[in-house]
Amino acid sequence: MKVECINMKVLLLTFLFLMPSFCILASSNDAKMPKHEWSFGGITGTFDRASIQRGYKVYREVCSGCHSMSLLYYRDLIDIGFSEEEVKAISAEYTVQDGPNDEGEMFERPARPSDRFVSPFANEQEARMNNNGSYPPDLSVITKAKKHGADYIYNLLLGYKEPPEDYEIGEGMYYNEWKEGHQIAMAPPLDEGYVDYDDGTENTLPQLSEDVTTFLVWSAEPELEVRKKLGIKVILFFIIFGIFIYISKKRLWREIH
């Protein structure tokens, strides 16, 4: 009788211990994040420079009205294929506050390639006032900050839908299939033909979403390609080193065996 009681307690404790894991697994299976095929995916993946440039144009013409990218400098755009003259022209379209001057006063000047991306708002309070109380997050490392990274951002941009009939949506909110809680304060930022591409690429919603996501991944991990190349070299080194050690061991210990 005592043995049966102990077994029941063990089973009960095991169930209680594993139940949270089962709940998490079940909830994660309810809405499995779709995987998108990215040029930079996998151990040998690389960035598509043309896609990054198109993505920057999407950010510049659409996203930059609300979202900052405070960790990027205009000179960083040289790394994705823009020339120095093009970067100077891009940065000069914005103004930054500088100073003080010889009279001790602050002044405005055109931005330079050495300046950070200019924020659309002076501070968080101004940003909230212009967005119904919501604070648009900085996008510099957004793909690193979100679970599922690039796939989450891509699916979020495509996930705006009409809410189900029995679903109550908050005032000023929009239904999104992939947002936590399915409610998001940001209106659908993209649609077919929102941005005209200079290279003639078709500007469909999936294409716009893919390009701007690629740009955001690059901004969060500009060293991605270098890291992958280094990783491949390290793996090859250990493979060759392991073979050398194995052969050496066989030769040193063959007489004993």
Foldseek 3Di string as FASTA:
>chain_A
DVVVVVVVVVVVVVCVVCVVVVVVVVVCVVDPQDDDDAQQDDLQRDADLLLLVLLVQLCVLFVQLQAAQQVAFLLCNVLSPDDQVRSQVVQQVDKDWDDDDPVGDIDIHGGGSRHGTDHNDPDQVRSCVVQVNDHHYHLLQVLVVDPVRLSLQLQQLVFFDDDDPPDDADPCWTAGPRDVVRTDNDDNRDAQPPDDDPVPPGRHSSSNSSSNSSNSVCSNCVCSNVVSVVVVVVVVVVVVVVVVVVVVVCVVCVVVD
